[in-house]
Every structure is written in structure tokens, then in C-alpha cells.
């Protein structure tokens, strides 16, 4: 079986930014974190939508921290 390759879009979705993670190890770490958050939420009885939102919000918080932005909105 051929290896699975990530699909790259031609354009960035409106209102979104693209970030290059650099290494395969870093990408796999981010993927594992997202799966862990999603699994924890669904096992806790949250809906699919709530679980996806938790992954999204955690990613936004991590991006803010990486940029050194203030998290007190």
C-alpha cells in the first residue's frame, strides 16, 4: 500500500493563516495533542461539535502563547 501524503490546498482559507511546523516530529506532536484533546472531550460526554471546538480553541491558545500575545481578553 502506498504511503499517505498530506493534501495541500492551493489557497489559504479566508481569514486563516498558514504555519509551517518545520519537522515531521513537531507535526506528529501537534497531531497527537489534537487527538488527545478530542478523545478526552468525547470520552467526557461532549458532543462532536464541542470536541472540535476544544481542539480549535487549544490551538488558538497555543498560537497566542507562541507569538507572545496577551491572553487576557
PDB file of N, CA and C in Angstrom:
ATOM      1  N   UNK A   1       0.838  -1.181   0.000  1.00  0.00           N
ATOM      2  CA  UNK A   1       0.000   0.000   0.000  1.00  0.00           C
ATOM      3  C   UNK A   1       0.884   1.245   0.000  1.00  0.00           C
ATOM      4  N   UNK A   2       0.514   2.216  -0.794  1.00  0.00           N
ATOM      5  CA  UNK A   2       1.284   3.454  -0.889  1.00  0.00           C
ATOM      6  C   UNK A   2       1.144   4.267   0.397  1.00  0.00           C
ATOM      7  N   UNK A   3       2.162   5.038   0.709  1.00  0.00           N
ATOM      8  CA  UNK A   3       2.104   5.873   1.909  1.00  0.00           C
ATOM      9  C   UNK A   3       1.122   7.023   1.697  1.00  0.00           C
ATOM     10  N   UNK A   4       0.518   7.447   2.779  1.00  0.00           N
ATOM     11  CA  UNK A   4      -0.446   8.541   2.726  1.00  0.00           C
ATOM     12  C   UNK A   4       0.313   9.850   2.763  1.00  0.00           C
ATOM     13  N   UNK A   5       0.004  10.720   1.829  1.00  0.00           N
ATOM     14  CA  UNK A   5       0.653  12.029   1.767  1.00  0.00           C
ATOM     15  C   UNK A   5      -0.366  13.104   2.125  1.00  0.00           C
ATOM     16  N   UNK A   6       0.047  14.121   2.869  1.00  0.00           N
ATOM     17  CA  UNK A   6      -0.899  15.188   3.215  1.00  0.00           C
ATOM     18  C   UNK A   6      -1.319  15.969   1.977  1.00  0.00           C
ATOM     19  N   UNK A   7      -2.566  16.381   1.970  1.00  0.00           N
ATOM     20  CA  UNK A   7      -3.089  17.184   0.872  1.00  0.00           C
ATOM     21  C   UNK A   7      -2.824  18.649   1.179  1.00  0.00           C
ATOM     22  N   UNK A   8      -2.276  19.363   0.245  1.00  0.00           N
ATOM     23  CA  UNK A   8      -2.013  20.783   0.421  1.00  0.00           C
ATOM     24  C   UNK A   8      -2.955  21.582  -0.467  1.00  0.00           C
ATOM     25  N   UNK A   9      -3.671  22.496   0.144  1.00  0.00           N
ATOM     26  CA  UNK A   9      -4.597  23.343  -0.609  1.00  0.00           C
ATOM     27  C   UNK A   9      -3.813  24.368  -1.423  1.00  0.00           C
ATOM     28  N   UNK A  10      -4.417  24.784  -2.529  1.00  0.00           N
ATOM     29  CA  UNK A  10      -3.786  25.801  -3.363  1.00  0.00           C
ATOM     30  C   UNK A  10      -3.844  27.175  -2.713  1.00  0.00           C
ATOM     31  N   UNK A  11      -4.907  27.433  -1.964  1.00  0.00           N
ATOM     32  CA  UNK A  11      -5.074  28.728  -1.325  1.00  0.00           C
ATOM     33  C   UNK A  11      -5.352  28.547   0.157  1.00  0.00           C
ATOM     34  N   UNK A  12      -4.995  29.552   0.937  1.00  0.00           N
ATOM     35  CA  UNK A  12      -5.299  29.565   2.360  1.00  0.00           C
ATOM     36  C   UNK A  12      -6.766  29.971   2.519  1.00  0.00           C
ATOM     37  N   UNK A  13      -7.523  29.280   3.373  1.00  0.00           N
ATOM     38  CA  UNK A  13      -8.918  29.679   3.590  1.00  0.00           C
ATOM     39  C   UNK A  13      -9.013  31.126   4.072  1.00  0.00           C
ATOM     40  N   UNK A  14     -10.089  31.805   3.699  1.00  0.00           N
ATOM     41  CA  UNK A  14     -10.296  33.204   4.061  1.00  0.00           C
ATOM     42  C   UNK A  14     -10.254  33.379   5.577  1.00  0.00           C
ATOM     43  N   UNK A  15      -9.499  34.342   6.047  1.00  0.00           N
ATOM     44  CA  UNK A  15      -9.402  34.645   7.465  1.00  0.00           C
ATOM     45  C   UNK A  15      -8.463  33.727   8.239  1.00  0.00           C
ATOM     46  N   UNK A  16      -7.753  32.856   7.542  1.00  0.00           N
ATOM     47  CA  UNK A  16      -6.857  31.914   8.211  1.00  0.00           C
ATOM     48  C   UNK A  16      -5.420  32.193   7.793  1.00  0.00           C
ATOM     49  N   UNK A  17      -4.510  31.812   8.635  1.00  0.00           N
ATOM     50  CA  UNK A  17      -3.096  31.924   8.315  1.00  0.00           C
ATOM     51  C   UNK A  17      -2.488  30.540   8.246  1.00  0.00           C
ATOM     52  N   UNK A  18      -1.436  30.396   7.471  1.00  0.00           N
ATOM     53  CA  UNK A  18      -0.767  29.116   7.352  1.00  0.00           C
ATOM     54  C   UNK A  18       0.519  29.164   8.156  1.00  0.00           C
ATOM     55  N   UNK A  19       0.782  28.083   8.864  1.00  0.00           N
ATOM     56  CA  UNK A  19       2.010  27.982   9.635  1.00  0.00           C
ATOM     57  C   UNK A  19       2.739  26.716   9.227  1.00  0.00           C
ATOM     58  N   UNK A  20       4.010  26.838   8.962  1.00  0.00           N
ATOM     59  CA  UNK A  20       4.829  25.675   8.636  1.00  0.00           C
ATOM     60  C   UNK A  20       5.505  25.216   9.919  1.00  0.00           C
ATOM     61  N   UNK A  21       5.246  23.971  10.293  1.00  0.00           N
ATOM     62  CA  UNK A  21       5.769  23.455  11.555  1.00  0.00           C
ATOM     63  C   UNK A  21       7.222  23.041  11.466  1.00  0.00           C
ATOM     64  N   UNK A  22       7.710  22.857  10.270  1.00  0.00           N
ATOM     65  CA  UNK A  22       9.121  22.540  10.131  1.00  0.00           C
ATOM     66  C   UNK A  22       9.406  21.066  10.043  1.00  0.00           C
ATOM     67  N   UNK A  23       9.416  20.392  11.157  1.00  0.00           N
ATOM     68  CA  UNK A  23       9.830  18.990  11.166  1.00  0.00           C
ATOM     69  C   UNK A  23       8.634  18.049  11.254  1.00  0.00           C
ATOM     70  N   UNK A  24       8.845  16.843  10.807  1.00  0.00           N
ATOM     71  CA  UNK A  24       7.813  15.814  10.892  1.00  0.00           C
ATOM     72  C   UNK A  24       7.498  15.495  12.352  1.00  0.00           C
ATOM     73  N   UNK A  25       8.522  15.488  13.200  1.00  0.00           N
ATOM     74  CA  UNK A  25       8.325  15.185  14.612  1.00  0.00           C
ATOM     75  C   UNK A  25       7.418  16.216  15.276  1.00  0.00           C
ATOM     76  N   UNK A  26       7.601  17.482  14.947  1.00  0.00           N
ATOM     77  CA  UNK A  26       6.768  18.532  15.524  1.00  0.00           C
ATOM     78  C   UNK A  26       5.331  18.404  15.041  1.00  0.00           C
ATOM     79  N   UNK A  27       5.153  18.113  13.760  1.00  0.00           N
ATOM     80  CA  UNK A  27       3.805  17.927  13.225  1.00  0.00           C
ATOM     81  C   UNK A  27       3.113  16.749  13.901  1.00  0.00           C
ATOM     82  N   UNK A  28       3.835  15.653  14.091  1.00  0.00           N
ATOM     83  CA  UNK A  28       3.261  14.487  14.748  1.00  0.00           C
ATOM     84  C   UNK A  28       2.910  14.781  16.203  1.00  0.00           C
ATOM     85  N   UNK A  29       3.716  15.618  16.863  1.00  0.00           N
ATOM     86  CA  UNK A  29       3.416  16.020  18.232  1.00  0.00           C
ATOM     87  C   UNK A  29       2.111  16.814  18.280  1.00  0.00           C
ATOM     88  N   UNK A  30       1.943  17.765  17.368  1.00  0.00           N
ATOM     89  CA  UNK A  30       0.729  18.579  17.329  1.00  0.00           C
ATOM     90  C   UNK A  30      -0.485  17.702  17.039  1.00  0.00           C
ATOM     91  N   UNK A  31      -0.340  16.771  16.105  1.00  0.00           N
ATOM     92  CA  UNK A  31      -1.434  15.854  15.790  1.00  0.00           C
ATOM     93  C   UNK A  31      -1.818  15.020  17.007  1.00  0.00           C
ATOM     94  N   UNK A  32      -0.827  14.516  17.738  1.00  0.00           N
ATOM     95  CA  UNK A  32      -1.093  13.704  18.922  1.00  0.00           C
ATOM     96  C   UNK A  32      -1.813  14.520  19.996  1.00  0.00           C
ATOM     97  N   UNK A  33      -1.432  15.774  20.166  1.00  0.00           N
ATOM     98  CA  UNK A  33      -2.098  16.644  21.132  1.00  0.00           C
ATOM     99  C   UNK A  33      -3.556  16.871  20.750  1.00  0.00           C
ATOM    100  N   UNK A  34      -3.804  17.124  19.467  1.00  0.00           N
ATOM    101  CA  UNK A  34      -5.177  17.340  18.998  1.00  0.00           C
ATOM    102  C   UNK A  34      -6.026  16.094  19.215  1.00  0.00           C
ATOM    103  N   UNK A  35      -5.465  14.932  18.912  1.00  0.00           N
ATOM    104  CA  UNK A  35      -6.202  13.676  19.108  1.00  0.00           C
ATOM    105  C   UNK A  35      -6.475  13.445  20.587  1.00  0.00           C
ATOM    106  N   UNK A  36      -5.509  13.756  21.441  1.00  0.00           N
ATOM    107  CA  UNK A  36      -5.689  13.584  22.882  1.00  0.00           C
ATOM    108  C   UNK A  36      -6.808  14.478  23.408  1.00  0.00           C
ATOM    109  N   UNK A  37      -6.832  15.724  22.978  1.00  0.00           N
ATOM    110  CA  UNK A  37      -7.883  16.658  23.413  1.00  0.00           C
ATOM    111  C   UNK A  37      -9.242  16.170  22.925  1.00  0.00           C
ATOM    112  N   UNK A  38      -9.316  15.786  21.659  1.00  0.00           N
ATOM    113  CA  UNK A  38     -10.573  15.313  21.090  1.00  0.00           C
ATOM    114  C   UNK A  38     -11.068  14.068  21.824  1.00  0.00           C
ATOM    115  N   UNK A  39     -10.175  13.133  22.093  1.00  0.00           N
ATOM    116  CA  UNK A  39     -10.546  11.893  22.783  1.00  0.00           C
ATOM    117  C   UNK A  39     -11.019  12.173  24.200  1.00  0.00           C
ATOM    118  N   UNK A  40     -10.328  13.045  24.900  1.00  0.00           N
ATOM    119  CA  UNK A  40     -10.720  13.395  26.261  1.00  0.00           C
ATOM    120  C   UNK A  40     -12.104  14.023  26.293  1.00  0.00           C
ATOM    121  N   UNK A  41     -12.366  14.907  25.351  1.00  0.00           N
ATOM    122  CA  UNK A  41     -13.671  15.569  25.298  1.00  0.00           C
ATOM    123  C   UNK A  41     -14.788  14.580  24.981  1.00  0.00           C
ATOM    124  N   UNK A  42     -14.583  13.725  23.986  1.00  0.00           N
ATOM    125  CA  UNK A  42     -15.643  12.783  23.618  1.00  0.00           C
ATOM    126  C   UNK A  42     -15.861  11.738  24.713  1.00  0.00           C
ATOM    127  N   UNK A  43     -14.792  11.278  25.346  1.00  0.00           N
ATOM    128  CA  UNK A  43     -14.946  10.327  26.449  1.00  0.00           C
ATOM    129  C   UNK A  43     -15.629  10.970  27.649  1.00  0.00           C
ATOM    130  N   UNK A  44     -15.532  12.286  27.748  1.00  0.00           N
ATOM    131  CA  UNK A  44     -16.189  13.016  28.828  1.00  0.00           C
ATOM    132  C   UNK A  44     -17.652  13.314  28.550  1.00  0.00           C
ATOM    133  N   UNK A  45     -18.146  12.857  27.403  1.00  0.00           N
ATOM    134  CA  UNK A  45     -19.564  13.038  27.091  1.00  0.00           C
ATOM    135  C   UNK A  45     -19.891  14.268  26.271  1.00  0.00           C
ATOM    136  N   UNK A  46     -18.883  14.951  25.776  1.00  0.00           N
ATOM    137  CA  UNK A  46     -19.132  16.142  24.956  1.00  0.00           C
ATOM    138  C   UNK A  46     -19.545  15.733  23.540  1.00  0.00           C
ATOM    139  N   UNK A  47     -20.238  16.627  22.879  1.00  0.00           N
ATOM    140  CA  UNK A  47     -20.656  16.367  21.507  1.00  0.00           C
ATOM    141  C   UNK A  47     -19.460  16.494  20.569  1.00  0.00           C
ATOM    142  N   UNK A  48     -19.639  16.028  19.342  1.00  0.00           N
ATOM    143  CA  UNK A  48     -18.608  16.155  18.313  1.00  0.00           C
ATOM    144  C   UNK A  48     -18.236  17.615  18.105  1.00  0.00           C
ATOM    145  N   UNK A  49     -19.245  18.477  18.042  1.00  0.00           N
ATOM    146  CA  UNK A  49     -19.005  19.912  17.825  1.00  0.00           C
ATOM    147  C   UNK A  49     -18.222  20.520  18.988  1.00  0.00           C
ATOM    148  N   UNK A  50     -18.573  20.166  20.209  1.00  0.00           N
ATOM    149  CA  UNK A  50     -17.848  20.687  21.370  1.00  0.00           C
ATOM    150  C   UNK A  50     -16.404  20.192  21.381  1.00  0.00           C
ATOM    151  N   UNK A  51     -16.202  18.945  20.995  1.00  0.00           N
ATOM    152  CA  UNK A  51     -14.854  18.370  20.963  1.00  0.00           C
ATOM    153  C   UNK A  51     -13.992  19.059  19.915  1.00  0.00           C
ATOM    154  N   UNK A  52     -14.571  19.300  18.744  1.00  0.00           N
ATOM    155  CA  UNK A  52     -13.833  20.019  17.697  1.00  0.00           C
ATOM    156  C   UNK A  52     -13.508  21.442  18.135  1.00  0.00           C
ATOM    157  N   UNK A  53     -14.462  22.085  18.784  1.00  0.00           N
ATOM    158  CA  UNK A  53     -14.229  23.448  19.275  1.00  0.00           C
ATOM    159  C   UNK A  53     -13.090  23.469  20.291  1.00  0.00           C
ATOM    160  N   UNK A  54     -13.019  22.458  21.148  1.00  0.00           N
ATOM    161  CA  UNK A  54     -11.938  22.396  22.144  1.00  0.00           C
ATOM    162  C   UNK A  54     -10.584  22.277  21.471  1.00  0.00           C
ATOM    163  N   UNK A  55     -10.498  21.474  20.413  1.00  0.00           N
ATOM    164  CA  UNK A  55      -9.243  21.341  19.668  1.00  0.00           C
ATOM    165  C   UNK A  55      -8.882  22.682  19.039  1.00  0.00           C
ATOM    166  N   UNK A  56      -9.867  23.355  18.440  1.00  0.00           N
ATOM    167  CA  UNK A  56      -9.636  24.640  17.792  1.00  0.00           C
ATOM    168  C   UNK A  56      -9.162  25.686  18.800  1.00  0.00           C
ATOM    169  N   UNK A  57      -9.864  25.793  19.928  1.00  0.00           N
ATOM    170  CA  UNK A  57      -9.515  26.794  20.941  1.00  0.00           C
ATOM    171  C   UNK A  57      -8.139  26.517  21.529  1.00  0.00           C
ATOM    172  N   UNK A  58      -7.821  25.260  21.768  1.00  0.00           N
ATOM    173  CA  UNK A  58      -6.498  24.950  22.317  1.00  0.00           C
ATOM    174  C   UNK A  58      -5.404  25.325  21.321  1.00  0.00           C
ATOM    175  N   UNK A  59      -5.678  25.135  20.035  1.00  0.00           N
ATOM    176  CA  UNK A  59      -4.720  25.551  19.006  1.00  0.00           C
ATOM    177  C   UNK A  59      -4.552  27.057  18.966  1.00  0.00           C
ATOM    178  N   UNK A  60      -5.654  27.781  19.124  1.00  0.00           N
ATOM    179  CA  UNK A  60      -5.582  29.243  19.143  1.00  0.00           C
ATOM    180  C   UNK A  60      -4.787  29.722  20.355  1.00  0.00           C
ATOM    181  N   UNK A  61      -5.012  29.093  21.510  1.00  0.00           N
ATOM    182  CA  UNK A  61      -4.268  29.469  22.721  1.00  0.00           C
ATOM    183  C   UNK A  61      -2.784  29.180  22.565  1.00  0.00           C
ATOM    184  N   UNK A  62      -2.459  28.050  21.960  1.00  0.00           N
ATOM    185  CA  UNK A  62      -1.053  27.709  21.741  1.00  0.00           C
ATOM    186  C   UNK A  62      -0.399  28.689  20.779  1.00  0.00           C
ATOM    187  N   UNK A  63      -1.127  29.097  19.749  1.00  0.00           N
ATOM    188  CA  UNK A  63      -0.591  30.069  18.789  1.00  0.00           C
ATOM    189  C   UNK A  63      -0.338  31.414  19.460  1.00  0.00           C
ATOM    190  N   UNK A  64      -1.272  31.837  20.296  1.00  0.00           N
ATOM    191  CA  UNK A  64      -1.083  33.102  21.023  1.00  0.00           C
ATOM    192  C   UNK A  64       0.139  33.036  21.930  1.00  0.00           C
ATOM    193  N   UNK A  65       0.285  31.933  22.632  1.00  0.00           N
ATOM    194  CA  UNK A  65       1.433  31.780  23.520  1.00  0.00           C
ATOM    195  C   UNK A  65       2.731  31.767  22.738  1.00  0.00           C
ATOM    196  N   UNK A  66       2.730  31.112  21.586  1.00  0.00           N
ATOM    197  CA  UNK A  66       3.939  31.059  20.761  1.00  0.00           C
ATOM    198  C   UNK A  66       4.308  32.426  20.222  1.00  0.00           C
ATOM    199  N   UNK A  67       3.304  33.255  19.947  1.00  0.00           N
ATOM    200  CA  UNK A  67       3.555  34.606  19.440  1.00  0.00           C
ATOM    201  C   UNK A  67       3.840  35.596  20.571  1.00  0.00           C
ATOM    202  N   UNK A  68       3.607  35.177  21.802  1.00  0.00           N
ATOM    203  CA  UNK A  68       3.843  36.062  22.945  1.00  0.00           C
ATOM    204  C   UNK A  68       2.764  37.098  23.131  1.00  0.00           C
ATOM    205  N   UNK A  69       1.557  36.807  22.615  1.00  0.00           N
ATOM    206  CA  UNK A  69       0.437  37.747  22.747  1.00  0.00           C
ATOM    207  C   UNK A  69      -0.200  37.605  24.108  1.00  0.00           C
ATOM    208  N   UNK A  70      -0.867  38.654  24.532  1.00  0.00           N
ATOM    209  CA  UNK A  70      -1.559  38.674  25.819  1.00  0.00           C
ATOM    210  C   UNK A  70      -2.813  37.814  25.716  1.00  0.00           C
ATOM    211  N   UNK A  71      -3.011  36.888  26.649  1.00  0.00           N
ATOM    212  CA  UNK A  71      -4.186  36.010  26.637  1.00  0.00           C
ATOM    213  C   UNK A  71      -5.336  36.550  27.460  1.00  0.00           C
ATOM    214  N   UNK A  72      -5.223  37.740  28.011  1.00  0.00           N
ATOM    215  CA  UNK A  72      -6.280  38.319  28.835  1.00  0.00           C
ATOM    216  C   UNK A  72      -7.170  39.195  27.984  1.00  0.00           C
ATOM    217  N   UNK A  73      -8.194  38.566  27.384  1.00  0.00           N
ATOM    218  CA  UNK A  73      -9.114  39.339  26.527  1.00  0.00           C
ATOM    219  C   UNK A  73     -10.269  39.860  27.307  1.00  0.00           C
TER     220      UNK A  73
END
